[in-house]
């Protein structure tokens, strides 16, 4: 589903977690 929503419950602040796959 291209319009799907994914959210990460994450406390460390890992960089890139919510960045597009194409951007690494």
PDBML (XML) file of the C-alpha atoms, coordinates in Angstrom:
<?xml version="1.0" encoding="UTF-8" ?>
<PDBx:datablock datablockName="MODEL"
   xmlns:PDBx="http://pdbml.pdb.org/schema/pdbx-v50.xsd"
   xmlns:xsi="http://www.w3.org/2001/XMLSchema-instance"
   xsi:schemaLocation="http://pdbml.pdb.org/schema/pdbx-v50.xsd pdbx-v50.xsd">
   <PDBx:atom_siteCategory>
      <PDBx:atom_site id="1">
         <PDBx:B_iso_or_equiv>0.00</PDBx:B_iso_or_equiv>
         <PDBx:Cartn_x>0.000</PDBx:Cartn_x>
         <PDBx:Cartn_y>0.000</PDBx:Cartn_y>
         <PDBx:Cartn_z>0.000</PDBx:Cartn_z>
         <PDBx:auth_asym_id>A</PDBx:auth_asym_id>
         <PDBx:auth_atom_id>CA</PDBx:auth_atom_id>
         <PDBx:auth_comp_id>UNK</PDBx:auth_comp_id>
         <PDBx:auth_seq_id>1</PDBx:auth_seq_id>
         <PDBx:group_PDB>ATOM</PDBx:group_PDB>
         <PDBx:label_alt_id xsi:nil="true" />
         <PDBx:label_asym_id>A</PDBx:label_asym_id>
         <PDBx:label_atom_id>CA</PDBx:label_atom_id>
         <PDBx:label_comp_id>UNK</PDBx:label_comp_id>
         <PDBx:label_entity_id>1</PDBx:label_entity_id>
         <PDBx:label_seq_id>1</PDBx:label_seq_id>
         <PDBx:occupancy>1.00</PDBx:occupancy>
         <PDBx:pdbx_PDB_model_num>1</PDBx:pdbx_PDB_model_num>
         <PDBx:type_symbol>C</PDBx:type_symbol>
      </PDBx:atom_site>
      <PDBx:atom_site id="2">
         <PDBx:B_iso_or_equiv>0.00</PDBx:B_iso_or_equiv>
         <PDBx:Cartn_x>1.968</PDBx:Cartn_x>
         <PDBx:Cartn_y>3.047</PDBx:Cartn_y>
         <PDBx:Cartn_z>-1.232</PDBx:Cartn_z>
         <PDBx:auth_asym_id>A</PDBx:auth_asym_id>
         <PDBx:auth_atom_id>CA</PDBx:auth_atom_id>
         <PDBx:auth_comp_id>UNK</PDBx:auth_comp_id>
         <PDBx:auth_seq_id>2</PDBx:auth_seq_id>
         <PDBx:group_PDB>ATOM</PDBx:group_PDB>
         <PDBx:label_alt_id xsi:nil="true" />
         <PDBx:label_asym_id>A</PDBx:label_asym_id>
         <PDBx:label_atom_id>CA</PDBx:label_atom_id>
         <PDBx:label_comp_id>UNK</PDBx:label_comp_id>
         <PDBx:label_entity_id>1</PDBx:label_entity_id>
         <PDBx:label_seq_id>2</PDBx:label_seq_id>
         <PDBx:occupancy>1.00</PDBx:occupancy>
         <PDBx:pdbx_PDB_model_num>1</PDBx:pdbx_PDB_model_num>
         <PDBx:type_symbol>C</PDBx:type_symbol>
      </PDBx:atom_site>
      <PDBx:atom_site id="3">
         <PDBx:B_iso_or_equiv>0.00</PDBx:B_iso_or_equiv>
         <PDBx:Cartn_x>-0.131</PDBx:Cartn_x>
         <PDBx:Cartn_y>5.273</PDBx:Cartn_y>
         <PDBx:Cartn_z>1.045</PDBx:Cartn_z>
         <PDBx:auth_asym_id>A</PDBx:auth_asym_id>
         <PDBx:auth_atom_id>CA</PDBx:auth_atom_id>
         <PDBx:auth_comp_id>UNK</PDBx:auth_comp_id>
         <PDBx:auth_seq_id>3</PDBx:auth_seq_id>
         <PDBx:group_PDB>ATOM</PDBx:group_PDB>
         <PDBx:label_alt_id xsi:nil="true" />
         <PDBx:label_asym_id>A</PDBx:label_asym_id>
         <PDBx:label_atom_id>CA</PDBx:label_atom_id>
         <PDBx:label_comp_id>UNK</PDBx:label_comp_id>
         <PDBx:label_entity_id>1</PDBx:label_entity_id>
         <PDBx:label_seq_id>3</PDBx:label_seq_id>
         <PDBx:occupancy>1.00</PDBx:occupancy>
         <PDBx:pdbx_PDB_model_num>1</PDBx:pdbx_PDB_model_num>
         <PDBx:type_symbol>C</PDBx:type_symbol>
      </PDBx:atom_site>
      <PDBx:atom_site id="4">
         <PDBx:B_iso_or_equiv>0.00</PDBx:B_iso_or_equiv>
         <PDBx:Cartn_x>0.488</PDBx:Cartn_x>
         <PDBx:Cartn_y>3.179</PDBx:Cartn_y>
         <PDBx:Cartn_z>4.150</PDBx:Cartn_z>
         <PDBx:auth_asym_id>A</PDBx:auth_asym_id>
         <PDBx:auth_atom_id>CA</PDBx:auth_atom_id>
         <PDBx:auth_comp_id>UNK</PDBx:auth_comp_id>
         <PDBx:auth_seq_id>4</PDBx:auth_seq_id>
         <PDBx:group_PDB>ATOM</PDBx:group_PDB>
         <PDBx:label_alt_id xsi:nil="true" />
         <PDBx:label_asym_id>A</PDBx:label_asym_id>
         <PDBx:label_atom_id>CA</PDBx:label_atom_id>
         <PDBx:label_comp_id>UNK</PDBx:label_comp_id>
         <PDBx:label_entity_id>1</PDBx:label_entity_id>
         <PDBx:label_seq_id>4</PDBx:label_seq_id>
         <PDBx:occupancy>1.00</PDBx:occupancy>
         <PDBx:pdbx_PDB_model_num>1</PDBx:pdbx_PDB_model_num>
         <PDBx:type_symbol>C</PDBx:type_symbol>
      </PDBx:atom_site>
      <PDBx:atom_site id="5">
         <PDBx:B_iso_or_equiv>0.00</PDBx:B_iso_or_equiv>
         <PDBx:Cartn_x>1.701</PDBx:Cartn_x>
         <PDBx:Cartn_y>4.803</PDBx:Cartn_y>
         <PDBx:Cartn_z>7.366</PDBx:Cartn_z>
         <PDBx:auth_asym_id>A</PDBx:auth_asym_id>
         <PDBx:auth_atom_id>CA</PDBx:auth_atom_id>
         <PDBx:auth_comp_id>UNK</PDBx:auth_comp_id>
         <PDBx:auth_seq_id>5</PDBx:auth_seq_id>
         <PDBx:group_PDB>ATOM</PDBx:group_PDB>
         <PDBx:label_alt_id xsi:nil="true" />
         <PDBx:label_asym_id>A</PDBx:label_asym_id>
         <PDBx:label_atom_id>CA</PDBx:label_atom_id>
         <PDBx:label_comp_id>UNK</PDBx:label_comp_id>
         <PDBx:label_entity_id>1</PDBx:label_entity_id>
         <PDBx:label_seq_id>5</PDBx:label_seq_id>
         <PDBx:occupancy>1.00</PDBx:occupancy>
         <PDBx:pdbx_PDB_model_num>1</PDBx:pdbx_PDB_model_num>
         <PDBx:type_symbol>C</PDBx:type_symbol>
      </PDBx:atom_site>
      <PDBx:atom_site id="6">
         <PDBx:B_iso_or_equiv>0.00</PDBx:B_iso_or_equiv>
         <PDBx:Cartn_x>4.663</PDBx:Cartn_x>
         <PDBx:Cartn_y>3.445</PDBx:Cartn_y>
         <PDBx:Cartn_z>9.337</PDBx:Cartn_z>
         <PDBx:auth_asym_id>A</PDBx:auth_asym_id>
         <PDBx:auth_atom_id>CA</PDBx:auth_atom_id>
         <PDBx:auth_comp_id>UNK</PDBx:auth_comp_id>
         <PDBx:auth_seq_id>6</PDBx:auth_seq_id>
         <PDBx:group_PDB>ATOM</PDBx:group_PDB>
         <PDBx:label_alt_id xsi:nil="true" />
         <PDBx:label_asym_id>A</PDBx:label_asym_id>
         <PDBx:label_atom_id>CA</PDBx:label_atom_id>
         <PDBx:label_comp_id>UNK</PDBx:label_comp_id>
         <PDBx:label_entity_id>1</PDBx:label_entity_id>
         <PDBx:label_seq_id>6</PDBx:label_seq_id>
         <PDBx:occupancy>1.00</PDBx:occupancy>
         <PDBx:pdbx_PDB_model_num>1</PDBx:pdbx_PDB_model_num>
         <PDBx:type_symbol>C</PDBx:type_symbol>
      </PDBx:atom_site>
      <PDBx:atom_site id="7">
         <PDBx:B_iso_or_equiv>0.00</PDBx:B_iso_or_equiv>
         <PDBx:Cartn_x>5.781</PDBx:Cartn_x>
         <PDBx:Cartn_y>4.935</PDBx:Cartn_y>
         <PDBx:Cartn_z>12.644</PDBx:Cartn_z>
         <PDBx:auth_asym_id>A</PDBx:auth_asym_id>
         <PDBx:auth_atom_id>CA</PDBx:auth_atom_id>
         <PDBx:auth_comp_id>UNK</PDBx:auth_comp_id>
         <PDBx:auth_seq_id>7</PDBx:auth_seq_id>
         <PDBx:group_PDB>ATOM</PDBx:group_PDB>
         <PDBx:label_alt_id xsi:nil="true" />
         <PDBx:label_asym_id>A</PDBx:label_asym_id>
         <PDBx:label_atom_id>CA</PDBx:label_atom_id>
         <PDBx:label_comp_id>UNK</PDBx:label_comp_id>
         <PDBx:label_entity_id>1</PDBx:label_entity_id>
         <PDBx:label_seq_id>7</PDBx:label_seq_id>
         <PDBx:occupancy>1.00</PDBx:occupancy>
         <PDBx:pdbx_PDB_model_num>1</PDBx:pdbx_PDB_model_num>
         <PDBx:type_symbol>C</PDBx:type_symbol>
      </PDBx:atom_site>
      <PDBx:atom_site id="8">
         <PDBx:B_iso_or_equiv>0.00</PDBx:B_iso_or_equiv>
         <PDBx:Cartn_x>8.807</PDBx:Cartn_x>
         <PDBx:Cartn_y>3.973</PDBx:Cartn_y>
         <PDBx:Cartn_z>14.730</PDBx:Cartn_z>
         <PDBx:auth_asym_id>A</PDBx:auth_asym_id>
         <PDBx:auth_atom_id>CA</PDBx:auth_atom_id>
         <PDBx:auth_comp_id>UNK</PDBx:auth_comp_id>
         <PDBx:auth_seq_id>8</PDBx:auth_seq_id>
         <PDBx:group_PDB>ATOM</PDBx:group_PDB>
         <PDBx:label_alt_id xsi:nil="true" />
         <PDBx:label_asym_id>A</PDBx:label_asym_id>
         <PDBx:label_atom_id>CA</PDBx:label_atom_id>
         <PDBx:label_comp_id>UNK</PDBx:label_comp_id>
         <PDBx:label_entity_id>1</PDBx:label_entity_id>
         <PDBx:label_seq_id>8</PDBx:label_seq_id>
         <PDBx:occupancy>1.00</PDBx:occupancy>
         <PDBx:pdbx_PDB_model_num>1</PDBx:pdbx_PDB_model_num>
         <PDBx:type_symbol>C</PDBx:type_symbol>
      </PDBx:atom_site>
      <PDBx:atom_site id="9">
         <PDBx:B_iso_or_equiv>0.00</PDBx:B_iso_or_equiv>
         <PDBx:Cartn_x>8.589</PDBx:Cartn_x>
         <PDBx:Cartn_y>3.991</PDBx:Cartn_y>
         <PDBx:Cartn_z>18.513</PDBx:Cartn_z>
         <PDBx:auth_asym_id>A</PDBx:auth_asym_id>
         <PDBx:auth_atom_id>CA</PDBx:auth_atom_id>
         <PDBx:auth_comp_id>UNK</PDBx:auth_comp_id>
         <PDBx:auth_seq_id>9</PDBx:auth_seq_id>
         <PDBx:group_PDB>ATOM</PDBx:group_PDB>
         <PDBx:label_alt_id xsi:nil="true" />
         <PDBx:label_asym_id>A</PDBx:label_asym_id>
         <PDBx:label_atom_id>CA</PDBx:label_atom_id>
         <PDBx:label_comp_id>UNK</PDBx:label_comp_id>
         <PDBx:label_entity_id>1</PDBx:label_entity_id>
         <PDBx:label_seq_id>9</PDBx:label_seq_id>
         <PDBx:occupancy>1.00</PDBx:occupancy>
         <PDBx:pdbx_PDB_model_num>1</PDBx:pdbx_PDB_model_num>
         <PDBx:type_symbol>C</PDBx:type_symbol>
      </PDBx:atom_site>
      <PDBx:atom_site id="10">
         <PDBx:B_iso_or_equiv>0.00</PDBx:B_iso_or_equiv>
         <PDBx:Cartn_x>12.253</PDBx:Cartn_x>
         <PDBx:Cartn_y>4.720</PDBx:Cartn_y>
         <PDBx:Cartn_z>19.207</PDBx:Cartn_z>
         <PDBx:auth_asym_id>A</PDBx:auth_asym_id>
         <PDBx:auth_atom_id>CA</PDBx:auth_atom_id>
         <PDBx:auth_comp_id>UNK</PDBx:auth_comp_id>
         <PDBx:auth_seq_id>10</PDBx:auth_seq_id>
         <PDBx:group_PDB>ATOM</PDBx:group_PDB>
         <PDBx:label_alt_id xsi:nil="true" />
         <PDBx:label_asym_id>A</PDBx:label_asym_id>
         <PDBx:label_atom_id>CA</PDBx:label_atom_id>
         <PDBx:label_comp_id>UNK</PDBx:label_comp_id>
         <PDBx:label_entity_id>1</PDBx:label_entity_id>
         <PDBx:label_seq_id>10</PDBx:label_seq_id>
         <PDBx:occupancy>1.00</PDBx:occupancy>
         <PDBx:pdbx_PDB_model_num>1</PDBx:pdbx_PDB_model_num>
         <PDBx:type_symbol>C</PDBx:type_symbol>
      </PDBx:atom_site>
      <PDBx:atom_site id="11">
         <PDBx:B_iso_or_equiv>0.00</PDBx:B_iso_or_equiv>
         <PDBx:Cartn_x>13.965</PDBx:Cartn_x>
         <PDBx:Cartn_y>6.583</PDBx:Cartn_y>
         <PDBx:Cartn_z>22.030</PDBx:Cartn_z>
         <PDBx:auth_asym_id>A</PDBx:auth_asym_id>
         <PDBx:auth_atom_id>CA</PDBx:auth_atom_id>
         <PDBx:auth_comp_id>UNK</PDBx:auth_comp_id>
         <PDBx:auth_seq_id>11</PDBx:auth_seq_id>
         <PDBx:group_PDB>ATOM</PDBx:group_PDB>
         <PDBx:label_alt_id xsi:nil="true" />
         <PDBx:label_asym_id>A</PDBx:label_asym_id>
         <PDBx:label_atom_id>CA</PDBx:label_atom_id>
         <PDBx:label_comp_id>UNK</PDBx:label_comp_id>
         <PDBx:label_entity_id>1</PDBx:label_entity_id>
         <PDBx:label_seq_id>11</PDBx:label_seq_id>
         <PDBx:occupancy>1.00</PDBx:occupancy>
         <PDBx:pdbx_PDB_model_num>1</PDBx:pdbx_PDB_model_num>
         <PDBx:type_symbol>C</PDBx:type_symbol>
      </PDBx:atom_site>
      <PDBx:atom_site id="12">
         <PDBx:B_iso_or_equiv>0.00</PDBx:B_iso_or_equiv>
         <PDBx:Cartn_x>17.662</PDBx:Cartn_x>
         <PDBx:Cartn_y>6.701</PDBx:Cartn_y>
         <PDBx:Cartn_z>21.089</PDBx:Cartn_z>
         <PDBx:auth_asym_id>A</PDBx:auth_asym_id>
         <PDBx:auth_atom_id>CA</PDBx:auth_atom_id>
         <PDBx:auth_comp_id>UNK</PDBx:auth_comp_id>
         <PDBx:auth_seq_id>12</PDBx:auth_seq_id>
         <PDBx:group_PDB>ATOM</PDBx:group_PDB>
         <PDBx:label_alt_id xsi:nil="true" />
         <PDBx:label_asym_id>A</PDBx:label_asym_id>
         <PDBx:label_atom_id>CA</PDBx:label_atom_id>
         <PDBx:label_comp_id>UNK</PDBx:label_comp_id>
         <PDBx:label_entity_id>1</PDBx:label_entity_id>
         <PDBx:label_seq_id>12</PDBx:label_seq_id>
         <PDBx:occupancy>1.00</PDBx:occupancy>
         <PDBx:pdbx_PDB_model_num>1</PDBx:pdbx_PDB_model_num>
         <PDBx:type_symbol>C</PDBx:type_symbol>
      </PDBx:atom_site>
      <PDBx:atom_site id="13">
         <PDBx:B_iso_or_equiv>0.00</PDBx:B_iso_or_equiv>
         <PDBx:Cartn_x>17.284</PDBx:Cartn_x>
         <PDBx:Cartn_y>9.076</PDBx:Cartn_y>
         <PDBx:Cartn_z>18.148</PDBx:Cartn_z>
         <PDBx:auth_asym_id>A</PDBx:auth_asym_id>
         <PDBx:auth_atom_id>CA</PDBx:auth_atom_id>
         <PDBx:auth_comp_id>UNK</PDBx:auth_comp_id>
         <PDBx:auth_seq_id>13</PDBx:auth_seq_id>
         <PDBx:group_PDB>ATOM</PDBx:group_PDB>
         <PDBx:label_alt_id xsi:nil="true" />
         <PDBx:label_asym_id>A</PDBx:label_asym_id>
         <PDBx:label_atom_id>CA</PDBx:label_atom_id>
         <PDBx:label_comp_id>UNK</PDBx:label_comp_id>
         <PDBx:label_entity_id>1</PDBx:label_entity_id>
         <PDBx:label_seq_id>13</PDBx:label_seq_id>
         <PDBx:occupancy>1.00</PDBx:occupancy>
         <PDBx:pdbx_PDB_model_num>1</PDBx:pdbx_PDB_model_num>
         <PDBx:type_symbol>C</PDBx:type_symbol>
      </PDBx:atom_site>
      <PDBx:atom_site id="14">
         <PDBx:B_iso_or_equiv>0.00</PDBx:B_iso_or_equiv>
         <PDBx:Cartn_x>18.912</PDBx:Cartn_x>
         <PDBx:Cartn_y>6.784</PDBx:Cartn_y>
         <PDBx:Cartn_z>15.580</PDBx:Cartn_z>
         <PDBx:auth_asym_id>A</PDBx:auth_asym_id>
         <PDBx:auth_atom_id>CA</PDBx:auth_atom_id>
         <PDBx:auth_comp_id>UNK</PDBx:auth_comp_id>
         <PDBx:auth_seq_id>14</PDBx:auth_seq_id>
         <PDBx:group_PDB>ATOM</PDBx:group_PDB>
         <PDBx:label_alt_id xsi:nil="true" />
         <PDBx:label_asym_id>A</PDBx:label_asym_id>
         <PDBx:label_atom_id>CA</PDBx:label_atom_id>
         <PDBx:label_comp_id>UNK</PDBx:label_comp_id>
         <PDBx:label_entity_id>1</PDBx:label_entity_id>
         <PDBx:label_seq_id>14</PDBx:label_seq_id>
         <PDBx:occupancy>1.00</PDBx:occupancy>
         <PDBx:pdbx_PDB_model_num>1</PDBx:pdbx_PDB_model_num>
         <PDBx:type_symbol>C</PDBx:type_symbol>
      </PDBx:atom_site>
      <PDBx:atom_site id="15">
         <PDBx:B_iso_or_equiv>0.00</PDBx:B_iso_or_equiv>
         <PDBx:Cartn_x>19.597</PDBx:Cartn_x>
         <PDBx:Cartn_y>8.974</PDBx:Cartn_y>
         <PDBx:Cartn_z>12.502</PDBx:Cartn_z>
         <PDBx:auth_asym_id>A</PDBx:auth_asym_id>
         <PDBx:auth_atom_id>CA</PDBx:auth_atom_id>
         <PDBx:auth_comp_id>UNK</PDBx:auth_comp_id>
         <PDBx:auth_seq_id>15</PDBx:auth_seq_id>
         <PDBx:group_PDB>ATOM</PDBx:group_PDB>
         <PDBx:label_alt_id xsi:nil="true" />
         <PDBx:label_asym_id>A</PDBx:label_asym_id>
         <PDBx:label_atom_id>CA</PDBx:label_atom_id>
         <PDBx:label_comp_id>UNK</PDBx:label_comp_id>
         <PDBx:label_entity_id>1</PDBx:label_entity_id>
         <PDBx:label_seq_id>15</PDBx:label_seq_id>
         <PDBx:occupancy>1.00</PDBx:occupancy>
         <PDBx:pdbx_PDB_model_num>1</PDBx:pdbx_PDB_model_num>
         <PDBx:type_symbol>C</PDBx:type_symbol>
      </PDBx:atom_site>
      <PDBx:atom_site id="16">
         <PDBx:B_iso_or_equiv>0.00</PDBx:B_iso_or_equiv>
         <PDBx:Cartn_x>17.814</PDBx:Cartn_x>
         <PDBx:Cartn_y>8.073</PDBx:Cartn_y>
         <PDBx:Cartn_z>9.285</PDBx:Cartn_z>
         <PDBx:auth_asym_id>A</PDBx:auth_asym_id>
         <PDBx:auth_atom_id>CA</PDBx:auth_atom_id>
         <PDBx:auth_comp_id>UNK</PDBx:auth_comp_id>
         <PDBx:auth_seq_id>16</PDBx:auth_seq_id>
         <PDBx:group_PDB>ATOM</PDBx:group_PDB>
         <PDBx:label_alt_id xsi:nil="true" />
         <PDBx:label_asym_id>A</PDBx:label_asym_id>
         <PDBx:label_atom_id>CA</PDBx:label_atom_id>
         <PDBx:label_comp_id>UNK</PDBx:label_comp_id>
         <PDBx:label_entity_id>1</PDBx:label_entity_id>
         <PDBx:label_seq_id>16</PDBx:label_seq_id>
         <PDBx:occupancy>1.00</PDBx:occupancy>
         <PDBx:pdbx_PDB_model_num>1</PDBx:pdbx_PDB_model_num>
         <PDBx:type_symbol>C</PDBx:type_symbol>
      </PDBx:atom_site>
      <PDBx:atom_site id="17">
         <PDBx:B_iso_or_equiv>0.00</PDBx:B_iso_or_equiv>
         <PDBx:Cartn_x>15.104</PDBx:Cartn_x>
         <PDBx:Cartn_y>6.021</PDBx:Cartn_y>
         <PDBx:Cartn_z>10.897</PDBx:Cartn_z>
         <PDBx:auth_asym_id>A</PDBx:auth_asym_id>
         <PDBx:auth_atom_id>CA</PDBx:auth_atom_id>
         <PDBx:auth_comp_id>UNK</PDBx:auth_comp_id>
         <PDBx:auth_seq_id>17</PDBx:auth_seq_id>
         <PDBx:group_PDB>ATOM</PDBx:group_PDB>
         <PDBx:label_alt_id xsi:nil="true" />
         <PDBx:label_asym_id>A</PDBx:label_asym_id>
         <PDBx:label_atom_id>CA</PDBx:label_atom_id>
         <PDBx:label_comp_id>UNK</PDBx:label_comp_id>
         <PDBx:label_entity_id>1</PDBx:label_entity_id>
         <PDBx:label_seq_id>17</PDBx:label_seq_id>
         <PDBx:occupancy>1.00</PDBx:occupancy>
         <PDBx:pdbx_PDB_model_num>1</PDBx:pdbx_PDB_model_num>
         <PDBx:type_symbol>C</PDBx:type_symbol>
      </PDBx:atom_site>
      <PDBx:atom_site id="18">
         <PDBx:B_iso_or_equiv>0.00</PDBx:B_iso_or_equiv>
         <PDBx:Cartn_x>12.360</PDBx:Cartn_x>
         <PDBx:Cartn_y>8.138</PDBx:Cartn_y>
         <PDBx:Cartn_z>9.306</PDBx:Cartn_z>
         <PDBx:auth_asym_id>A</PDBx:auth_asym_id>
         <PDBx:auth_atom_id>CA</PDBx:auth_atom_id>
         <PDBx:auth_comp_id>UNK</PDBx:auth_comp_id>
         <PDBx:auth_seq_id>18</PDBx:auth_seq_id>
         <PDBx:group_PDB>ATOM</PDBx:group_PDB>
         <PDBx:label_alt_id xsi:nil="true" />
         <PDBx:label_asym_id>A</PDBx:label_asym_id>
         <PDBx:label_atom_id>CA</PDBx:label_atom_id>
         <PDBx:label_comp_id>UNK</PDBx:label_comp_id>
         <PDBx:label_entity_id>1</PDBx:label_entity_id>
         <PDBx:label_seq_id>18</PDBx:label_seq_id>
         <PDBx:occupancy>1.00</PDBx:occupancy>
         <PDBx:pdbx_PDB_model_num>1</PDBx:pdbx_PDB_model_num>
         <PDBx:type_symbol>C</PDBx:type_symbol>
      </PDBx:atom_site>
      <PDBx:atom_site id="19">
         <PDBx:B_iso_or_equiv>0.00</PDBx:B_iso_or_equiv>
         <PDBx:Cartn_x>14.281</PDBx:Cartn_x>
         <PDBx:Cartn_y>8.937</PDBx:Cartn_y>
         <PDBx:Cartn_z>6.157</PDBx:Cartn_z>
         <PDBx:auth_asym_id>A</PDBx:auth_asym_id>
         <PDBx:auth_atom_id>CA</PDBx:auth_atom_id>
         <PDBx:auth_comp_id>UNK</PDBx:auth_comp_id>
         <PDBx:auth_seq_id>19</PDBx:auth_seq_id>
         <PDBx:group_PDB>ATOM</PDBx:group_PDB>
         <PDBx:label_alt_id xsi:nil="true" />
         <PDBx:label_asym_id>A</PDBx:label_asym_id>
         <PDBx:label_atom_id>CA</PDBx:label_atom_id>
         <PDBx:label_comp_id>UNK</PDBx:label_comp_id>
         <PDBx:label_entity_id>1</PDBx:label_entity_id>
         <PDBx:label_seq_id>19</PDBx:label_seq_id>
         <PDBx:occupancy>1.00</PDBx:occupancy>
         <PDBx:pdbx_PDB_model_num>1</PDBx:pdbx_PDB_model_num>
         <PDBx:type_symbol>C</PDBx:type_symbol>
      </PDBx:atom_site>
      <PDBx:atom_site id="20">
         <PDBx:B_iso_or_equiv>0.00</PDBx:B_iso_or_equiv>
         <PDBx:Cartn_x>13.344</PDBx:Cartn_x>
         <PDBx:Cartn_y>7.362</PDBx:Cartn_y>
         <PDBx:Cartn_z>2.786</PDBx:Cartn_z>
         <PDBx:auth_asym_id>A</PDBx:auth_asym_id>
         <PDBx:auth_atom_id>CA</PDBx:auth_atom_id>
         <PDBx:auth_comp_id>UNK</PDBx:auth_comp_id>
         <PDBx:auth_seq_id>20</PDBx:auth_seq_id>
         <PDBx:group_PDB>ATOM</PDBx:group_PDB>
         <PDBx:label_alt_id xsi:nil="true" />
         <PDBx:label_asym_id>A</PDBx:label_asym_id>
         <PDBx:label_atom_id>CA</PDBx:label_atom_id>
         <PDBx:label_comp_id>UNK</PDBx:label_comp_id>
         <PDBx:label_entity_id>1</PDBx:label_entity_id>
         <PDBx:label_seq_id>20</PDBx:label_seq_id>
         <PDBx:occupancy>1.00</PDBx:occupancy>
         <PDBx:pdbx_PDB_model_num>1</PDBx:pdbx_PDB_model_num>
         <PDBx:type_symbol>C</PDBx:type_symbol>
      </PDBx:atom_site>
      <PDBx:atom_site id="21">
         <PDBx:B_iso_or_equiv>0.00</PDBx:B_iso_or_equiv>
         <PDBx:Cartn_x>15.095</PDBx:Cartn_x>
         <PDBx:Cartn_y>4.175</PDBx:Cartn_y>
         <PDBx:Cartn_z>1.760</PDBx:Cartn_z>
         <PDBx:auth_asym_id>A</PDBx:auth_asym_id>
         <PDBx:auth_atom_id>CA</PDBx:auth_atom_id>
         <PDBx:auth_comp_id>UNK</PDBx:auth_comp_id>
         <PDBx:auth_seq_id>21</PDBx:auth_seq_id>
         <PDBx:group_PDB>ATOM</PDBx:group_PDB>
         <PDBx:label_alt_id xsi:nil="true" />
         <PDBx:label_asym_id>A</PDBx:label_asym_id>
         <PDBx:label_atom_id>CA</PDBx:label_atom_id>
         <PDBx:label_comp_id>UNK</PDBx:label_comp_id>
         <PDBx:label_entity_id>1</PDBx:label_entity_id>
         <PDBx:label_seq_id>21</PDBx:label_seq_id>
         <PDBx:occupancy>1.00</PDBx:occupancy>
         <PDBx:pdbx_PDB_model_num>1</PDBx:pdbx_PDB_model_num>
         <PDBx:type_symbol>C</PDBx:type_symbol>
      </PDBx:atom_site>
      <PDBx:atom_site id="22">
         <PDBx:B_iso_or_equiv>0.00</PDBx:B_iso_or_equiv>
         <PDBx:Cartn_x>16.239</PDBx:Cartn_x>
         <PDBx:Cartn_y>5.826</PDBx:Cartn_y>
         <PDBx:Cartn_z>-1.472</PDBx:Cartn_z>
         <PDBx:auth_asym_id>A</PDBx:auth_asym_id>
         <PDBx:auth_atom_id>CA</PDBx:auth_atom_id>
         <PDBx:auth_comp_id>UNK</PDBx:auth_comp_id>
         <PDBx:auth_seq_id>22</PDBx:auth_seq_id>
         <PDBx:group_PDB>ATOM</PDBx:group_PDB>
         <PDBx:label_alt_id xsi:nil="true" />
         <PDBx:label_asym_id>A</PDBx:label_asym_id>
         <PDBx:label_atom_id>CA</PDBx:label_atom_id>
         <PDBx:label_comp_id>UNK</PDBx:label_comp_id>
         <PDBx:label_entity_id>1</PDBx:label_entity_id>
         <PDBx:label_seq_id>22</PDBx:label_seq_id>
         <PDBx:occupancy>1.00</PDBx:occupancy>
         <PDBx:pdbx_PDB_model_num>1</PDBx:pdbx_PDB_model_num>
         <PDBx:type_symbol>C</PDBx:type_symbol>
      </PDBx:atom_site>
      <PDBx:atom_site id="23">
         <PDBx:B_iso_or_equiv>0.00</PDBx:B_iso_or_equiv>
         <PDBx:Cartn_x>18.071</PDBx:Cartn_x>
         <PDBx:Cartn_y>8.414</PDBx:Cartn_y>
         <PDBx:Cartn_z>0.648</PDBx:Cartn_z>
         <PDBx:auth_asym_id>A</PDBx:auth_asym_id>
         <PDBx:auth_atom_id>CA</PDBx:auth_atom_id>
         <PDBx:auth_comp_id>UNK</PDBx:auth_comp_id>
         <PDBx:auth_seq_id>23</PDBx:auth_seq_id>
         <PDBx:group_PDB>ATOM</PDBx:group_PDB>
         <PDBx:label_alt_id xsi:nil="true" />
         <PDBx:label_asym_id>A</PDBx:label_asym_id>
         <PDBx:label_atom_id>CA</PDBx:label_atom_id>
         <PDBx:label_comp_id>UNK</PDBx:label_comp_id>
         <PDBx:label_entity_id>1</PDBx:label_entity_id>
         <PDBx:label_seq_id>23</PDBx:label_seq_id>
         <PDBx:occupancy>1.00</PDBx:occupancy>
         <PDBx:pdbx_PDB_model_num>1</PDBx:pdbx_PDB_model_num>
         <PDBx:type_symbol>C</PDBx:type_symbol>
      </PDBx:atom_site>
      <PDBx:atom_site id="24">
         <PDBx:B_iso_or_equiv>0.00</PDBx:B_iso_or_equiv>
         <PDBx:Cartn_x>19.783</PDBx:Cartn_x>
         <PDBx:Cartn_y>5.742</PDBx:Cartn_y>
         <PDBx:Cartn_z>2.737</PDBx:Cartn_z>
         <PDBx:auth_asym_id>A</PDBx:auth_asym_id>
         <PDBx:auth_atom_id>CA</PDBx:auth_atom_id>
         <PDBx:auth_comp_id>UNK</PDBx:auth_comp_id>
         <PDBx:auth_seq_id>24</PDBx:auth_seq_id>
         <PDBx:group_PDB>ATOM</PDBx:group_PDB>
         <PDBx:label_alt_id xsi:nil="true" />
         <PDBx:label_asym_id>A</PDBx:label_asym_id>
         <PDBx:label_atom_id>CA</PDBx:label_atom_id>
         <PDBx:label_comp_id>UNK</PDBx:label_comp_id>
         <PDBx:label_entity_id>1</PDBx:label_entity_id>
         <PDBx:label_seq_id>24</PDBx:label_seq_id>
         <PDBx:occupancy>1.00</PDBx:occupancy>
         <PDBx:pdbx_PDB_model_num>1</PDBx:pdbx_PDB_model_num>
         <PDBx:type_symbol>C</PDBx:type_symbol>
      </PDBx:atom_site>
   </PDBx:atom_siteCategory>
</PDBx:datablock>
